[in-house]
C-alpha cells in the first residue's frame, strides 16, 4: 500500500522553499503597490522605497514579482491538474483494460510522446488571438501528460495481475471500483510525483513562452516580467534588479518542487 515519504533533508528543504514562495504569493500582493502603477521613477535601483527597484516604465519590481508569483503558481496548478487527469485516463485505464481499448489509448499516448512538446505549445499559442492565463495553462496541460501516462500504464499493468485485484474480479466487483479501491492507492506516490513534475514543466514552459512573447497577454507572471525586461534592454542598461529576481524565483520554485519529487 502507499506510504508517506520520510522526512529527509531533501523533503524538508523542498517544503520550505515551496512554502515560502506560496506565502510570498499570498501575502506580498496585499502589502505592495499596484504592479501597473507608473508613478515611480523609471529604472530606479533597489532602495528603501522600492526594495527591488523599478522597471523602465516605473513599475515596482517587488509588486510585479508578488503578482507574478500568483500568476505562475496558478498556471502551474491548472496545467498540472489537467495533465494528471489526462494521465489517469490514458494511463490507468489503458493499463487496466485489455484488447483493442488498451491499444487505442496506448496509440494516442505514443503519438503525444513523439510530438515535440514546446514547439507544439508555441504553434498553438501563436494562433490564439487572445492568450489568457487560463488558455496558456490549458495548452501546457494538454501537451505534457503523455510521459506520465506511459509510466502509469506500465505500473497499472503490473498491478492488475496481483492476487487481490484478481480476487476482486472473481468476486464480481465493478471495474471502476477495482481501479479506485484496489489500484489507485498503490499509485498515489507515483501520481504525486507526476503531478509535481507537471507543475514544474508548466511553470518553466510558461516562462519560456512568455520570454518569446507568446505568454499570457492579460496577466503578470514571472515569465512576462522577463519578457518585458528583455524587450526593455534591462541587461544592456545594467538593470539587473529587473530580471534577476524573477529568474531566482523560477529557479527556487523548480528546485523546491524537484526536491519534494525526489523525496516522494
Protein backbone atom coordinates (compact mmCIF):
# COMPACT_ATOMS: atom_id res chain seq x y z
CA UNK A 1 0.00 0.00 0.00
CA UNK A 2 1.00 3.65 -0.43
CA UNK A 3 3.31 5.11 2.19
CA UNK A 4 4.13 8.72 3.05
CA UNK A 5 7.67 9.91 2.23
CA UNK A 6 10.07 10.03 5.17
CA UNK A 7 11.31 13.41 6.39
CA UNK A 8 14.63 13.59 4.57
CA UNK A 9 16.73 16.76 4.15
CA UNK A 10 15.58 16.95 0.51
CA UNK A 11 11.93 16.90 1.53
CA UNK A 12 12.40 19.48 4.31
CA UNK A 13 14.32 21.91 2.07
CA UNK A 14 11.81 21.44 -0.74
CA UNK A 15 8.83 22.09 1.54
CA UNK A 16 10.50 25.18 2.99
CA UNK A 17 11.28 26.62 -0.45
CA UNK A 18 7.82 25.95 -1.89
CA UNK A 19 6.07 27.05 1.33
CA UNK A 20 7.99 30.33 1.42
CA UNK A 21 7.13 31.10 -2.21
CA UNK A 22 3.45 30.25 -1.70
CA UNK A 23 3.30 32.51 1.39
CA UNK A 24 5.01 35.26 -0.61
CA UNK A 25 2.41 34.88 -3.38
CA UNK A 26 -0.43 35.14 -0.85
CA UNK A 27 0.82 37.92 1.44
CA UNK A 28 3.05 40.14 -0.70
CA UNK A 29 0.33 41.31 -3.17
CA UNK A 30 -1.65 42.62 -0.18
CA UNK A 31 1.15 44.93 1.02
CA UNK A 32 2.73 46.06 -2.27
CA UNK A 33 1.54 48.76 -4.62
CA UNK A 34 -0.31 48.35 -7.91
CA UNK A 35 2.06 46.39 -10.17
CA UNK A 36 0.98 48.52 -13.14
CA UNK A 37 1.47 51.86 -11.40
CA UNK A 38 3.87 54.05 -13.38
CA UNK A 39 4.03 56.87 -10.82
CA UNK A 40 7.52 55.78 -9.73
CA UNK A 41 10.84 56.96 -11.26
CA UNK A 42 11.99 54.75 -14.14
CA UNK A 43 14.85 52.27 -13.72
CA UNK A 44 15.42 53.21 -10.11
CA UNK A 45 17.85 50.78 -8.39
CA UNK A 46 16.82 48.99 -5.18
CA UNK A 47 16.26 51.39 -2.29
CA UNK A 48 14.32 51.69 0.95
CA UNK A 49 11.33 52.99 -1.04
CA UNK A 50 11.49 50.32 -3.74
CA UNK A 51 13.19 47.24 -2.32
CA UNK A 52 13.76 45.67 -5.74
CA UNK A 53 13.88 48.86 -7.78
CA UNK A 54 11.63 49.81 -10.69
CA UNK A 55 11.30 48.97 -14.37
CA UNK A 56 11.70 51.14 -17.46
CA UNK A 57 8.06 52.20 -17.17
CA UNK A 58 8.30 52.88 -13.44
CA UNK A 59 6.64 49.66 -12.28
CA UNK A 60 7.69 48.45 -8.84
CA UNK A 61 9.60 45.18 -9.37
CA UNK A 62 8.62 43.77 -5.96
CA UNK A 63 4.93 44.35 -6.71
CA UNK A 64 5.32 42.72 -10.12
CA UNK A 65 7.21 39.80 -8.58
CA UNK A 66 4.45 39.27 -6.00
CA UNK A 67 1.61 39.29 -8.53
CA UNK A 68 3.74 37.28 -10.94
CA UNK A 69 4.11 34.61 -8.26
CA UNK A 70 0.34 34.23 -8.15
CA UNK A 71 0.13 34.03 -11.94
CA UNK A 72 2.91 31.45 -12.29
CA UNK A 73 1.52 29.27 -9.48
CA UNK A 74 -1.99 29.38 -10.97
CA UNK A 75 -0.66 28.38 -14.39
CA UNK A 76 1.33 25.54 -12.80
CA UNK A 77 -1.60 24.20 -10.78
CA UNK A 78 -4.12 24.36 -13.64
CA UNK A 79 -1.74 22.77 -16.15
CA UNK A 80 -0.64 20.15 -13.61
CA UNK A 81 -4.25 19.28 -12.81
CA UNK A 82 -5.16 18.90 -16.49
CA UNK A 83 -2.05 16.81 -17.17
CA UNK A 84 -2.66 14.44 -14.26
CA UNK A 85 -6.34 13.91 -15.20
CA UNK A 86 -5.36 13.05 -18.78
CA UNK A 87 -2.58 10.81 -17.43
CA UNK A 88 -5.13 8.92 -15.34
CA UNK A 89 -7.49 8.46 -18.28
CA UNK A 90 -4.87 7.36 -20.80
CA UNK A 91 -2.53 5.68 -18.31
CA UNK A 92 -4.53 3.89 -15.65
CA UNK A 93 -7.43 2.96 -17.93
CA UNK A 94 -5.09 1.72 -20.66
CA UNK A 95 -3.14 -0.29 -18.10
CA UNK A 96 -6.24 -1.88 -16.56
CA UNK A 97 -8.19 -2.55 -19.72
CA UNK A 98 -7.07 -5.06 -22.32
CA UNK A 99 -7.62 -5.72 -26.00
CA UNK A 100 -8.44 -3.01 -28.53
CA UNK A 101 -9.33 -0.42 -25.88
CA UNK A 102 -5.83 -0.59 -24.41
CA UNK A 103 -4.33 -0.44 -27.91
CA UNK A 104 -6.29 2.72 -28.83
CA UNK A 105 -5.41 4.55 -25.60
CA UNK A 106 -1.77 3.48 -25.87
CA UNK A 107 -1.63 4.65 -29.50
CA UNK A 108 -2.82 8.15 -28.56
CA UNK A 109 -0.27 8.28 -25.74
CA UNK A 110 2.58 7.17 -28.01
CA UNK A 111 1.64 9.78 -30.62
CA UNK A 112 1.70 12.53 -27.99
CA UNK A 113 5.07 11.31 -26.69
CA UNK A 114 6.80 11.60 -30.08
CA UNK A 115 5.38 15.08 -30.82
CA UNK A 116 7.83 17.74 -29.51
CA UNK A 117 6.08 19.48 -26.63
CA UNK A 118 7.44 23.04 -26.69
CA UNK A 119 7.16 23.57 -30.48
CA UNK A 120 3.56 22.30 -30.34
CA UNK A 121 2.77 24.70 -27.50
CA UNK A 122 4.38 27.57 -29.46
CA UNK A 123 2.30 26.82 -32.55
CA UNK A 124 -0.97 26.64 -30.58
CA UNK A 125 -0.17 29.82 -28.62
CA UNK A 126 0.85 31.71 -31.77
CA UNK A 127 -2.51 31.03 -33.43
CA UNK A 128 -4.57 32.09 -30.40
CA UNK A 129 -5.91 35.64 -30.94
CA UNK A 130 -6.03 36.37 -27.19
CA UNK A 131 -3.80 34.39 -24.83
CA UNK A 132 -5.31 34.40 -21.37
CA UNK A 133 -3.54 32.82 -18.43
CA UNK A 134 -6.11 30.03 -18.39
CA UNK A 135 -5.58 29.32 -22.11
CA UNK A 136 -1.81 29.10 -21.70
CA UNK A 137 -2.26 26.74 -18.73
CA UNK A 138 -4.71 24.61 -20.74
CA UNK A 139 -2.32 24.36 -23.69
CA UNK A 140 0.57 23.41 -21.41
CA UNK A 141 -1.61 20.82 -19.66
CA UNK A 142 -2.81 19.02 -22.79
CA UNK A 143 0.74 18.79 -24.17
CA UNK A 144 2.52 17.46 -21.08
CA UNK A 145 0.58 14.38 -19.94
CA UNK A 146 1.90 11.65 -22.23
CA UNK A 147 5.10 10.80 -20.35
CA UNK A 148 3.25 10.40 -17.05
CA UNK A 149 0.53 8.34 -18.75
CA UNK A 150 3.14 5.93 -20.13
CA UNK A 151 4.65 5.38 -16.67
CA UNK A 152 1.21 4.94 -15.06
CA UNK A 153 0.17 2.46 -17.75
CA UNK A 154 3.17 0.24 -17.10
CA UNK A 155 2.63 0.35 -13.33
CA UNK A 156 -1.09 -0.37 -13.67
CA UNK A 157 -0.41 -3.33 -15.96
CA UNK A 158 1.78 -4.75 -13.21
CA UNK A 159 -0.85 -4.13 -10.52
CA UNK A 160 -3.73 -5.69 -12.45
CA UNK A 161 -2.08 -9.11 -12.19
CA UNK A 162 -1.85 -9.01 -8.38
CA UNK A 163 -3.83 -11.54 -6.36
CA UNK A 164 -6.04 -9.00 -4.59
CA UNK A 165 -7.09 -7.44 -7.90
CA UNK A 166 -7.84 -10.86 -9.35
CA UNK A 167 -9.85 -11.74 -6.23
CA UNK A 168 -11.94 -8.56 -6.65
CA UNK A 169 -12.67 -9.51 -10.27
CA UNK A 170 -13.72 -13.00 -9.23
CA UNK A 171 -15.98 -11.52 -6.53
CA UNK A 172 -17.80 -9.58 -9.26
CA UNK A 173 -16.61 -6.09 -8.35
CA UNK A 174 -17.13 -3.42 -10.99
CA UNK A 175 -14.05 -2.25 -12.90
CA UNK A 176 -14.41 1.34 -11.67
CA UNK A 177 -14.44 0.23 -8.03
CA UNK A 178 -11.41 -2.02 -8.56
CA UNK A 179 -9.47 0.88 -10.10
CA UNK A 180 -10.43 3.33 -7.33
CA UNK A 181 -10.13 1.00 -4.32
CA UNK A 182 -7.51 -1.59 -5.24
CA UNK A 183 -5.23 0.09 -7.80
CA UNK A 184 -5.27 3.85 -7.18
CA UNK A 185 -3.95 3.76 -3.55
CA UNK A 186 -0.83 1.97 -4.82
CA UNK A 187 -0.33 4.67 -7.46
CA UNK A 188 -0.58 7.67 -5.09
CA UNK A 189 3.19 8.24 -4.65
CA UNK A 190 3.68 7.98 -8.40
CA UNK A 191 0.71 10.28 -9.05
CA UNK A 192 2.04 12.86 -6.60
CA UNK A 193 5.46 12.77 -8.24
CA UNK A 194 3.99 13.10 -11.73
CA UNK A 195 1.77 15.98 -10.59
CA UNK A 196 4.74 17.90 -9.19
CA UNK A 197 6.71 17.24 -12.37
CA UNK A 198 3.77 18.58 -14.43
CA UNK A 199 3.74 21.76 -12.33
CA UNK A 200 7.48 22.25 -12.87
CA UNK A 201 7.07 21.71 -16.62
CA UNK A 202 4.16 24.16 -16.79
CA UNK A 203 5.92 26.95 -14.87
CA UNK A 204 9.11 26.59 -16.92
CA UNK A 205 7.08 26.25 -20.12
CA UNK A 206 5.07 29.39 -19.38
CA UNK A 207 8.27 31.29 -18.59
CA UNK A 208 9.76 30.16 -21.90
CA UNK A 209 6.63 31.08 -23.85
CA UNK A 210 6.41 34.48 -22.18
CA UNK A 211 10.09 35.18 -22.82
CA UNK A 212 9.41 34.51 -26.52
CA UNK A 213 6.38 36.83 -26.44
CA UNK A 214 3.82 34.00 -26.58
CA UNK A 215 2.72 34.08 -22.93
CA UNK A 216 -0.44 35.48 -21.33
CA UNK A 217 -1.37 38.93 -22.65
CA UNK A 218 -3.67 39.94 -19.79
CA UNK A 219 -1.77 38.75 -16.71
CA UNK A 220 1.52 39.15 -14.87
CA UNK A 221 3.75 36.11 -14.40
CA UNK A 222 7.45 35.70 -13.80
CA UNK A 223 7.78 34.90 -17.50
CA UNK A 224 6.09 38.12 -18.63
CA UNK A 225 8.40 40.10 -16.31
CA UNK A 226 11.41 38.50 -18.02
CA UNK A 227 9.91 39.26 -21.42
CA UNK A 228 9.41 42.93 -20.52
CA UNK A 229 12.96 43.09 -19.13
CA UNK A 230 14.33 41.63 -22.36
CA UNK A 231 12.32 43.98 -24.58
CA UNK A 232 13.29 46.92 -22.34
CA UNK A 233 17.01 46.06 -22.72
CA UNK A 234 17.45 45.65 -18.97
CA UNK A 235 20.74 43.77 -19.39
CA UNK A 236 22.24 46.42 -21.64
CA UNK A 237 21.27 49.18 -19.21
CA UNK A 238 22.61 47.32 -16.18
CA UNK A 239 19.16 46.98 -14.56
CA UNK A 240 19.93 43.61 -13.01
CA UNK A 241 17.18 44.06 -10.42
CA UNK A 242 14.61 43.82 -13.21
CA UNK A 243 15.42 40.30 -14.48
CA UNK A 244 17.43 38.60 -11.71
CA UNK A 245 14.61 38.32 -9.07
CA UNK A 246 12.07 36.55 -11.34
CA UNK A 247 14.81 34.23 -12.57
CA UNK A 248 15.77 33.36 -8.99
CA UNK A 249 12.12 32.76 -8.07
CA UNK A 250 11.58 30.40 -11.03
CA UNK A 251 14.77 28.50 -10.15
CA UNK A 252 13.89 28.34 -6.44
CA UNK A 253 10.36 27.05 -7.05
CA UNK A 254 11.58 24.50 -9.58
CA UNK A 255 14.30 23.37 -7.15
CA UNK A 256 11.83 23.07 -4.26
CA UNK A 257 9.32 21.04 -6.27
CA UNK A 258 12.09 18.83 -7.66
CA UNK A 259 13.42 18.11 -4.14
CA UNK A 260 9.92 17.15 -2.95
CA UNK A 261 9.57 14.99 -6.06
CA UNK A 262 12.86 13.18 -5.32
CA UNK A 263 11.73 12.53 -1.73
CA UNK A 264 8.41 11.06 -2.91
